[in-house]
């Protein structure tokens, strides 16, 4: 339920705790989430949805940079993303949820590999404090979207 009180939205979240958990105060179990309307078998009711989500030609990121990256101020940051799919996926880069476009301090290089692969490399040179954040490689074709995130933070090296 949502309540609106003086322009502030409140959301009520229900959590179920068994008597044993409430008394002991330890040994928490996770509640199982389920999606309403989707059978457990993984098949979808709508044939178009089944074709879309269970398609062998769907985009899949096959190689991506490490999740946590610590860079040195003034040096180069490099992220790599390789995706496969039919048709060949398109790769888009984001920082903190905003799409990145090439400018003088960072460049995106792309290579088409075979008929179904795309390699993309994001380079930031020189890296500044403003380059810290969450980067995302987003690969998509007409059948699916796959994404990987990379967290960056800087370190300072003294000579």
N, C-alpha and C. Protein backbone atom coordinates (compact mmCIF):
# COMPACT_ATOMS: atom_id res chain seq x y z
N UNK A 1 0.83 -1.18 0.00
CA UNK A 1 0.00 0.00 0.00
C UNK A 1 0.87 1.24 0.00
N UNK A 2 0.45 2.24 -0.70
CA UNK A 2 1.14 3.53 -0.71
C UNK A 2 0.29 4.55 0.02
N UNK A 3 0.90 5.32 0.88
CA UNK A 3 0.22 6.39 1.58
C UNK A 3 0.92 7.69 1.22
N UNK A 4 0.18 8.72 0.99
CA UNK A 4 0.75 10.00 0.68
C UNK A 4 0.36 10.98 1.78
N UNK A 5 1.33 11.49 2.49
CA UNK A 5 1.07 12.36 3.63
C UNK A 5 1.91 13.61 3.45
N UNK A 6 1.26 14.73 3.22
CA UNK A 6 1.93 16.00 2.97
C UNK A 6 2.96 15.89 1.84
N UNK A 7 2.60 15.18 0.77
CA UNK A 7 3.47 15.09 -0.40
C UNK A 7 4.60 14.09 -0.26
N UNK A 8 4.66 13.35 0.83
CA UNK A 8 5.71 12.35 1.01
C UNK A 8 5.09 10.98 0.83
N UNK A 9 5.68 10.17 -0.03
CA UNK A 9 5.15 8.83 -0.29
C UNK A 9 5.75 7.86 0.70
N UNK A 10 4.93 7.01 1.28
CA UNK A 10 5.37 5.97 2.19
C UNK A 10 5.00 4.63 1.58
N UNK A 11 5.89 3.68 1.67
CA UNK A 11 5.63 2.34 1.15
C UNK A 11 5.71 1.38 2.33
N UNK A 12 4.68 0.55 2.47
CA UNK A 12 4.65 -0.43 3.55
C UNK A 12 5.18 -1.74 3.00
N UNK A 13 6.17 -2.32 3.68
CA UNK A 13 6.79 -3.56 3.27
C UNK A 13 6.49 -4.61 4.32
N UNK A 14 5.93 -5.72 3.90
CA UNK A 14 5.59 -6.79 4.83
C UNK A 14 6.72 -7.81 4.86
N UNK A 15 7.16 -8.19 6.06
CA UNK A 15 8.19 -9.19 6.24
C UNK A 15 7.63 -10.26 7.16
N UNK A 16 7.81 -11.51 6.78
CA UNK A 16 7.31 -12.61 7.58
C UNK A 16 8.45 -13.22 8.39
N UNK A 17 8.27 -13.32 9.69
CA UNK A 17 9.25 -13.93 10.58
C UNK A 17 8.53 -15.02 11.36
N UNK A 18 9.12 -16.20 11.37
CA UNK A 18 8.51 -17.29 12.13
C UNK A 18 8.75 -17.05 13.61
N UNK A 19 7.95 -17.73 14.47
CA UNK A 19 8.11 -17.57 15.91
C UNK A 19 9.51 -17.94 16.36
N UNK A 20 10.06 -19.00 15.78
CA UNK A 20 11.40 -19.45 16.18
C UNK A 20 12.45 -18.39 15.90
N UNK A 21 12.36 -17.72 14.77
CA UNK A 21 13.34 -16.69 14.42
C UNK A 21 13.18 -15.48 15.32
N UNK A 22 11.96 -15.13 15.67
CA UNK A 22 11.73 -13.95 16.50
C UNK A 22 12.30 -14.16 17.89
N UNK A 23 12.18 -15.38 18.41
CA UNK A 23 12.69 -15.67 19.75
C UNK A 23 14.21 -15.77 19.78
N UNK A 24 14.79 -16.45 18.79
CA UNK A 24 16.23 -16.70 18.81
C UNK A 24 17.03 -15.48 18.40
N UNK A 25 16.52 -14.70 17.46
CA UNK A 25 17.25 -13.53 17.02
C UNK A 25 18.43 -13.87 16.14
N UNK A 26 18.50 -15.06 15.61
CA UNK A 26 19.58 -15.48 14.72
C UNK A 26 19.05 -16.51 13.74
N UNK A 27 19.88 -16.93 12.84
CA UNK A 27 19.48 -17.95 11.88
C UNK A 27 18.40 -17.48 10.95
N UNK A 28 18.63 -16.35 10.32
CA UNK A 28 17.63 -15.80 9.42
C UNK A 28 17.57 -16.63 8.14
N UNK A 29 16.37 -16.80 7.64
CA UNK A 29 16.20 -17.45 6.35
C UNK A 29 15.65 -16.42 5.38
N UNK A 30 16.04 -16.56 4.13
CA UNK A 30 15.56 -15.63 3.13
C UNK A 30 14.20 -16.07 2.62
N UNK A 31 13.34 -15.10 2.47
CA UNK A 31 12.04 -15.40 1.90
C UNK A 31 12.22 -15.64 0.40
N UNK A 32 11.54 -16.62 -0.12
CA UNK A 32 11.65 -16.94 -1.53
C UNK A 32 10.75 -15.99 -2.30
N UNK A 33 11.33 -15.37 -3.31
CA UNK A 33 10.52 -14.48 -4.14
C UNK A 33 10.00 -15.28 -5.32
N UNK A 34 8.86 -14.87 -5.81
CA UNK A 34 8.32 -15.53 -6.98
C UNK A 34 7.65 -14.51 -7.86
N UNK A 35 7.70 -14.79 -9.13
CA UNK A 35 7.09 -13.90 -10.10
C UNK A 35 5.71 -14.46 -10.42
N UNK A 36 4.71 -13.65 -10.24
CA UNK A 36 3.34 -14.09 -10.49
C UNK A 36 3.10 -14.12 -11.98
N UNK A 37 2.50 -15.20 -12.45
CA UNK A 37 2.15 -15.31 -13.85
C UNK A 37 3.15 -16.10 -14.67
N UNK A 38 4.32 -16.43 -14.12
CA UNK A 38 5.29 -17.20 -14.86
C UNK A 38 5.39 -18.60 -14.27
N UNK A 39 5.14 -19.64 -15.05
CA UNK A 39 5.23 -21.00 -14.51
C UNK A 39 6.64 -21.32 -14.06
N UNK A 40 6.78 -22.25 -13.15
CA UNK A 40 8.07 -22.65 -12.61
C UNK A 40 8.96 -23.28 -13.68
N UNK A 41 8.36 -23.86 -14.70
CA UNK A 41 9.12 -24.55 -15.74
C UNK A 41 10.00 -23.62 -16.56
N UNK A 42 9.79 -22.31 -16.51
CA UNK A 42 10.56 -21.37 -17.31
C UNK A 42 9.91 -21.09 -18.64
N UNK A 43 8.83 -21.75 -18.95
CA UNK A 43 8.09 -21.47 -20.18
C UNK A 43 7.16 -20.30 -19.92
N UNK A 44 6.96 -19.49 -20.92
CA UNK A 44 6.10 -18.34 -20.79
C UNK A 44 4.74 -18.63 -21.44
N UNK A 45 3.72 -18.01 -20.90
CA UNK A 45 2.37 -18.22 -21.44
C UNK A 45 2.25 -17.68 -22.86
N UNK A 46 2.86 -16.56 -23.10
CA UNK A 46 2.80 -15.91 -24.40
C UNK A 46 3.92 -16.49 -25.29
N UNK A 47 3.60 -17.07 -26.46
CA UNK A 47 4.63 -17.65 -27.32
C UNK A 47 5.69 -16.63 -27.78
N UNK A 48 5.29 -15.37 -27.96
CA UNK A 48 6.25 -14.35 -28.35
C UNK A 48 7.27 -14.09 -27.24
N UNK A 49 6.82 -14.08 -26.00
CA UNK A 49 7.73 -13.90 -24.86
C UNK A 49 8.66 -15.09 -24.74
N UNK A 50 8.14 -16.30 -24.93
CA UNK A 50 8.97 -17.50 -24.86
C UNK A 50 10.06 -17.46 -25.92
N UNK A 51 9.71 -17.05 -27.14
CA UNK A 51 10.68 -16.96 -28.22
C UNK A 51 11.73 -15.89 -27.91
N UNK A 52 11.30 -14.78 -27.34
CA UNK A 52 12.21 -13.69 -27.03
C UNK A 52 13.21 -14.08 -25.94
N UNK A 53 12.73 -14.61 -24.82
CA UNK A 53 13.60 -14.87 -23.67
C UNK A 53 14.39 -16.18 -23.78
N UNK A 54 13.94 -17.11 -24.57
CA UNK A 54 14.63 -18.40 -24.70
C UNK A 54 15.24 -18.56 -26.08
N UNK A 55 15.71 -17.49 -26.67
CA UNK A 55 16.25 -17.51 -28.02
C UNK A 55 17.75 -17.79 -27.99
N UNK A 56 18.21 -18.70 -28.84
CA UNK A 56 19.64 -19.03 -28.91
C UNK A 56 20.47 -17.91 -29.52
N UNK A 57 19.83 -16.99 -30.24
CA UNK A 57 20.54 -15.88 -30.87
C UNK A 57 20.61 -14.64 -29.98
N UNK A 58 20.12 -14.76 -28.76
CA UNK A 58 20.09 -13.62 -27.83
C UNK A 58 21.51 -13.17 -27.49
N UNK A 59 21.63 -11.91 -27.16
CA UNK A 59 22.92 -11.32 -26.78
C UNK A 59 23.42 -11.89 -25.46
N UNK A 60 24.71 -12.22 -25.44
CA UNK A 60 25.36 -12.67 -24.20
C UNK A 60 26.75 -12.04 -24.15
N UNK A 61 27.08 -11.42 -23.03
CA UNK A 61 28.43 -10.89 -22.86
C UNK A 61 29.32 -12.06 -22.48
N UNK A 62 30.34 -12.32 -23.30
CA UNK A 62 31.21 -13.48 -23.09
C UNK A 62 32.48 -13.13 -22.33
N UNK A 63 32.89 -11.85 -22.37
CA UNK A 63 34.09 -11.43 -21.64
C UNK A 63 33.91 -9.98 -21.23
N UNK A 64 34.24 -9.67 -20.00
CA UNK A 64 34.14 -8.29 -19.50
C UNK A 64 35.24 -8.04 -18.47
N UNK A 65 35.58 -6.79 -18.27
CA UNK A 65 36.59 -6.40 -17.29
C UNK A 65 36.15 -6.78 -15.88
N UNK A 66 37.08 -6.68 -14.93
CA UNK A 66 36.79 -6.99 -13.54
C UNK A 66 35.79 -6.00 -12.96
N UNK A 67 35.05 -6.44 -11.95
CA UNK A 67 34.02 -5.60 -11.35
C UNK A 67 34.61 -4.42 -10.59
N UNK A 68 35.59 -4.66 -9.74
CA UNK A 68 36.15 -3.62 -8.87
C UNK A 68 37.50 -3.19 -9.42
N UNK A 69 37.64 -1.93 -9.76
CA UNK A 69 38.84 -1.43 -10.41
C UNK A 69 39.34 -0.19 -9.68
N UNK A 70 40.58 -0.23 -9.21
CA UNK A 70 41.17 0.93 -8.56
C UNK A 70 42.22 1.50 -9.49
N UNK A 71 42.05 2.76 -9.86
CA UNK A 71 42.97 3.39 -10.80
C UNK A 71 43.79 4.47 -10.11
N UNK A 72 44.89 4.82 -10.75
CA UNK A 72 45.78 5.85 -10.24
C UNK A 72 45.47 7.15 -10.98
N UNK A 73 45.32 8.22 -10.23
CA UNK A 73 45.04 9.52 -10.85
C UNK A 73 46.11 9.85 -11.88
N UNK A 74 45.68 10.33 -13.04
CA UNK A 74 46.60 10.70 -14.10
C UNK A 74 46.98 9.57 -15.03
N UNK A 75 46.62 8.34 -14.69
CA UNK A 75 46.91 7.19 -15.55
C UNK A 75 45.68 6.84 -16.39
N UNK A 76 45.79 5.77 -17.16
CA UNK A 76 44.73 5.36 -18.08
C UNK A 76 43.83 4.30 -17.43
N UNK A 77 42.52 4.41 -17.66
CA UNK A 77 41.54 3.40 -17.27
C UNK A 77 41.08 2.71 -18.56
N UNK A 78 41.03 1.38 -18.54
CA UNK A 78 40.59 0.63 -19.72
C UNK A 78 39.56 -0.41 -19.28
N UNK A 79 38.40 -0.41 -19.95
CA UNK A 79 37.38 -1.44 -19.76
C UNK A 79 37.15 -2.13 -21.09
N UNK A 80 36.96 -3.45 -21.04
CA UNK A 80 36.72 -4.24 -22.25
C UNK A 80 35.42 -5.02 -22.09
N UNK A 81 34.68 -5.14 -23.19
CA UNK A 81 33.43 -5.88 -23.20
C UNK A 81 33.31 -6.59 -24.55
N UNK A 82 33.11 -7.92 -24.53
CA UNK A 82 32.90 -8.69 -25.75
C UNK A 82 31.55 -9.38 -25.64
N UNK A 83 30.71 -9.19 -26.67
CA UNK A 83 29.37 -9.76 -26.67
C UNK A 83 29.14 -10.55 -27.95
N UNK A 84 28.28 -11.57 -27.82
CA UNK A 84 27.96 -12.45 -28.93
C UNK A 84 26.45 -12.52 -29.10
N UNK A 85 25.98 -12.59 -30.34
CA UNK A 85 24.56 -12.73 -30.61
C UNK A 85 24.28 -12.60 -32.10
N UNK A 86 23.12 -13.05 -32.52
CA UNK A 86 22.69 -12.92 -33.92
C UNK A 86 21.36 -12.19 -33.94
N UNK A 87 21.28 -11.02 -34.52
CA UNK A 87 22.34 -10.29 -35.19
C UNK A 87 23.40 -9.79 -34.20
N UNK A 88 24.55 -9.40 -34.74
CA UNK A 88 25.66 -8.94 -33.91
C UNK A 88 25.17 -7.84 -32.98
N UNK A 89 25.48 -7.95 -31.68
CA UNK A 89 24.99 -6.95 -30.71
C UNK A 89 25.66 -5.59 -30.87
N UNK A 90 24.98 -4.59 -30.37
CA UNK A 90 25.52 -3.25 -30.28
C UNK A 90 25.90 -3.02 -28.82
N UNK A 91 27.05 -2.42 -28.58
CA UNK A 91 27.53 -2.19 -27.21
C UNK A 91 27.49 -0.69 -26.91
N UNK A 92 26.89 -0.36 -25.77
CA UNK A 92 26.78 1.02 -25.32
C UNK A 92 27.38 1.11 -23.92
N UNK A 93 28.10 2.19 -23.65
CA UNK A 93 28.74 2.39 -22.35
C UNK A 93 27.98 3.45 -21.54
N UNK A 94 27.89 3.21 -20.21
CA UNK A 94 27.23 4.13 -19.29
C UNK A 94 28.14 4.39 -18.10
N UNK A 95 28.03 5.57 -17.53
CA UNK A 95 28.68 5.89 -16.25
C UNK A 95 27.61 6.44 -15.33
N UNK A 96 27.43 5.81 -14.18
CA UNK A 96 26.44 6.21 -13.19
C UNK A 96 25.05 6.36 -13.83
N UNK A 97 24.72 5.46 -14.75
CA UNK A 97 23.41 5.44 -15.38
C UNK A 97 23.22 6.37 -16.56
N UNK A 98 24.25 7.12 -16.93
CA UNK A 98 24.15 8.07 -18.05
C UNK A 98 25.02 7.57 -19.20
N UNK A 99 24.44 7.56 -20.40
CA UNK A 99 25.18 7.08 -21.57
C UNK A 99 26.40 7.96 -21.83
N UNK A 100 27.53 7.30 -22.16
CA UNK A 100 28.77 8.01 -22.43
C UNK A 100 28.94 8.24 -23.93
N UNK A 101 29.40 9.40 -24.27
CA UNK A 101 29.75 9.74 -25.65
C UNK A 101 31.22 10.12 -25.67
N UNK A 102 31.90 9.84 -26.76
CA UNK A 102 33.33 10.12 -26.87
C UNK A 102 33.60 11.62 -26.72
N UNK A 103 34.67 11.95 -26.03
CA UNK A 103 35.16 13.32 -25.96
C UNK A 103 36.67 13.26 -25.84
N UNK A 104 37.33 14.37 -25.61
CA UNK A 104 38.79 14.40 -25.69
C UNK A 104 39.50 13.54 -24.65
N UNK A 105 38.84 13.21 -23.52
CA UNK A 105 39.51 12.42 -22.49
C UNK A 105 39.14 10.94 -22.49
N UNK A 106 38.10 10.56 -23.20
CA UNK A 106 37.85 9.13 -23.31
C UNK A 106 37.36 8.76 -24.70
N UNK A 107 37.72 7.53 -25.06
CA UNK A 107 37.45 7.04 -26.41
C UNK A 107 36.86 5.65 -26.33
N UNK A 108 35.97 5.35 -27.26
CA UNK A 108 35.41 4.01 -27.38
C UNK A 108 35.90 3.44 -28.71
N UNK A 109 36.51 2.25 -28.64
CA UNK A 109 36.99 1.54 -29.82
C UNK A 109 36.16 0.28 -29.97
N UNK A 110 35.75 -0.02 -31.21
CA UNK A 110 34.94 -1.22 -31.45
C UNK A 110 35.52 -2.04 -32.59
N UNK A 111 35.41 -3.38 -32.44
CA UNK A 111 35.85 -4.31 -33.46
C UNK A 111 34.76 -5.33 -33.70
N UNK A 112 34.44 -5.57 -34.97
CA UNK A 112 33.52 -6.64 -35.32
C UNK A 112 34.33 -7.92 -35.46
N UNK A 113 33.93 -8.95 -34.72
CA UNK A 113 34.62 -10.23 -34.73
C UNK A 113 33.65 -11.27 -35.28
N UNK A 114 34.05 -11.94 -36.33
CA UNK A 114 33.20 -12.93 -36.99
C UNK A 114 31.86 -12.27 -37.38
N UNK A 115 30.83 -13.08 -37.56
CA UNK A 115 29.52 -12.57 -37.95
C UNK A 115 28.65 -12.23 -36.75
N UNK A 116 29.06 -12.72 -35.56
CA UNK A 116 28.15 -12.60 -34.42
C UNK A 116 28.77 -12.00 -33.16
N UNK A 117 30.00 -11.47 -33.21
CA UNK A 117 30.64 -10.92 -32.02
C UNK A 117 31.03 -9.47 -32.22
N UNK A 118 31.00 -8.74 -31.10
CA UNK A 118 31.44 -7.35 -31.08
C UNK A 118 32.34 -7.16 -29.86
N UNK A 119 33.47 -6.51 -30.07
CA UNK A 119 34.38 -6.17 -28.98
C UNK A 119 34.39 -4.65 -28.85
N UNK A 120 34.27 -4.17 -27.63
CA UNK A 120 34.29 -2.74 -27.38
C UNK A 120 35.25 -2.45 -26.23
N UNK A 121 36.03 -1.38 -26.38
CA UNK A 121 36.98 -0.99 -25.34
C UNK A 121 36.77 0.48 -25.04
N UNK A 122 36.61 0.79 -23.76
CA UNK A 122 36.48 2.17 -23.29
C UNK A 122 37.79 2.56 -22.63
N UNK A 123 38.40 3.66 -23.10
CA UNK A 123 39.65 4.16 -22.53
C UNK A 123 39.44 5.58 -22.02
N UNK A 124 39.90 5.81 -20.79
CA UNK A 124 39.85 7.14 -20.20
C UNK A 124 41.29 7.53 -19.86
N UNK A 125 41.78 8.62 -20.48
CA UNK A 125 43.17 8.99 -20.29
C UNK A 125 43.32 10.50 -20.43
N UNK A 126 43.77 11.19 -19.42
CA UNK A 126 44.16 10.75 -18.09
C UNK A 126 42.95 10.67 -17.15
N UNK A 127 43.02 9.76 -16.19
CA UNK A 127 41.94 9.57 -15.23
C UNK A 127 41.99 10.64 -14.14
N UNK A 128 40.82 11.16 -13.78
CA UNK A 128 40.71 12.17 -12.74
C UNK A 128 39.80 11.64 -11.62
N UNK A 129 39.65 12.42 -10.57
CA UNK A 129 38.75 12.04 -9.47
C UNK A 129 37.31 11.90 -9.96
N UNK A 130 36.93 12.69 -10.95
CA UNK A 130 35.57 12.67 -11.48
C UNK A 130 35.25 11.37 -12.22
N UNK A 131 36.26 10.58 -12.54
CA UNK A 131 36.04 9.34 -13.28
C UNK A 131 35.66 8.18 -12.36
N UNK A 132 35.69 8.38 -11.05
CA UNK A 132 35.25 7.34 -10.11
C UNK A 132 33.74 7.16 -10.24
N UNK A 133 33.28 5.93 -10.13
CA UNK A 133 31.84 5.67 -10.21
C UNK A 133 31.55 4.26 -10.70
N UNK A 134 30.34 4.05 -11.19
CA UNK A 134 29.90 2.76 -11.70
C UNK A 134 29.77 2.86 -13.22
N UNK A 135 30.56 2.06 -13.92
CA UNK A 135 30.49 2.00 -15.37
C UNK A 135 29.72 0.75 -15.76
N UNK A 136 29.09 0.81 -16.92
CA UNK A 136 28.28 -0.32 -17.36
C UNK A 136 28.46 -0.53 -18.86
N UNK A 137 28.66 -1.78 -19.21
CA UNK A 137 28.71 -2.21 -20.61
C UNK A 137 27.34 -2.82 -20.90
N UNK A 138 26.63 -2.29 -21.89
CA UNK A 138 25.29 -2.74 -22.21
C UNK A 138 25.29 -3.26 -23.65
N UNK A 139 25.09 -4.58 -23.83
CA UNK A 139 25.07 -5.18 -25.16
C UNK A 139 23.64 -5.59 -25.48
N UNK A 140 23.18 -5.24 -26.69
CA UNK A 140 21.80 -5.61 -27.03
C UNK A 140 21.66 -5.90 -28.52
N UNK A 141 20.74 -6.82 -28.81
CA UNK A 141 20.28 -7.05 -30.17
C UNK A 141 18.77 -7.19 -30.10
N UNK A 142 18.14 -7.63 -31.16
CA UNK A 142 16.68 -7.66 -31.19
C UNK A 142 16.07 -8.70 -30.25
N UNK A 143 16.90 -9.59 -29.67
CA UNK A 143 16.37 -10.65 -28.82
C UNK A 143 16.60 -10.44 -27.33
N UNK A 144 17.63 -9.70 -26.95
CA UNK A 144 17.87 -9.53 -25.51
C UNK A 144 18.87 -8.41 -25.24
N UNK A 145 19.02 -8.13 -23.96
CA UNK A 145 20.00 -7.16 -23.47
C UNK A 145 20.79 -7.85 -22.37
N UNK A 146 22.10 -7.68 -22.39
CA UNK A 146 22.96 -8.20 -21.33
C UNK A 146 23.85 -7.05 -20.89
N UNK A 147 24.15 -6.98 -19.60
CA UNK A 147 24.98 -5.88 -19.12
C UNK A 147 25.91 -6.34 -18.01
N UNK A 148 27.04 -5.65 -17.91
CA UNK A 148 28.00 -5.87 -16.84
C UNK A 148 28.36 -4.52 -16.25
N UNK A 149 28.58 -4.51 -14.94
CA UNK A 149 28.92 -3.27 -14.25
C UNK A 149 30.34 -3.35 -13.70
N UNK A 150 30.98 -2.18 -13.65
CA UNK A 150 32.34 -2.07 -13.15
C UNK A 150 32.39 -0.90 -12.18
N UNK A 151 32.86 -1.16 -10.97
CA UNK A 151 32.98 -0.10 -9.97
C UNK A 151 34.41 0.42 -9.98
N UNK A 152 34.57 1.73 -10.02
CA UNK A 152 35.92 2.30 -10.02
C UNK A 152 36.08 3.30 -8.88
N UNK A 153 37.29 3.35 -8.37
CA UNK A 153 37.67 4.34 -7.38
C UNK A 153 39.14 4.63 -7.60
N UNK A 154 39.61 5.78 -7.16
CA UNK A 154 40.98 6.16 -7.43
C UNK A 154 41.87 5.98 -6.23
N UNK A 155 43.18 5.91 -6.51
CA UNK A 155 44.17 5.91 -5.45
C UNK A 155 45.23 6.93 -5.82
N UNK A 156 45.92 7.41 -4.84
CA UNK A 156 46.96 8.42 -5.07
C UNK A 156 48.30 7.79 -4.74
N UNK A 157 49.22 7.87 -5.67
CA UNK A 157 50.57 7.33 -5.44
C UNK A 157 51.53 8.52 -5.27
N UNK A 158 52.26 8.49 -4.17
CA UNK A 158 53.24 9.54 -3.90
C UNK A 158 54.61 9.04 -4.28
N UNK A 159 55.38 9.93 -4.95
CA UNK A 159 56.75 9.55 -5.37
C UNK A 159 57.73 9.68 -4.25
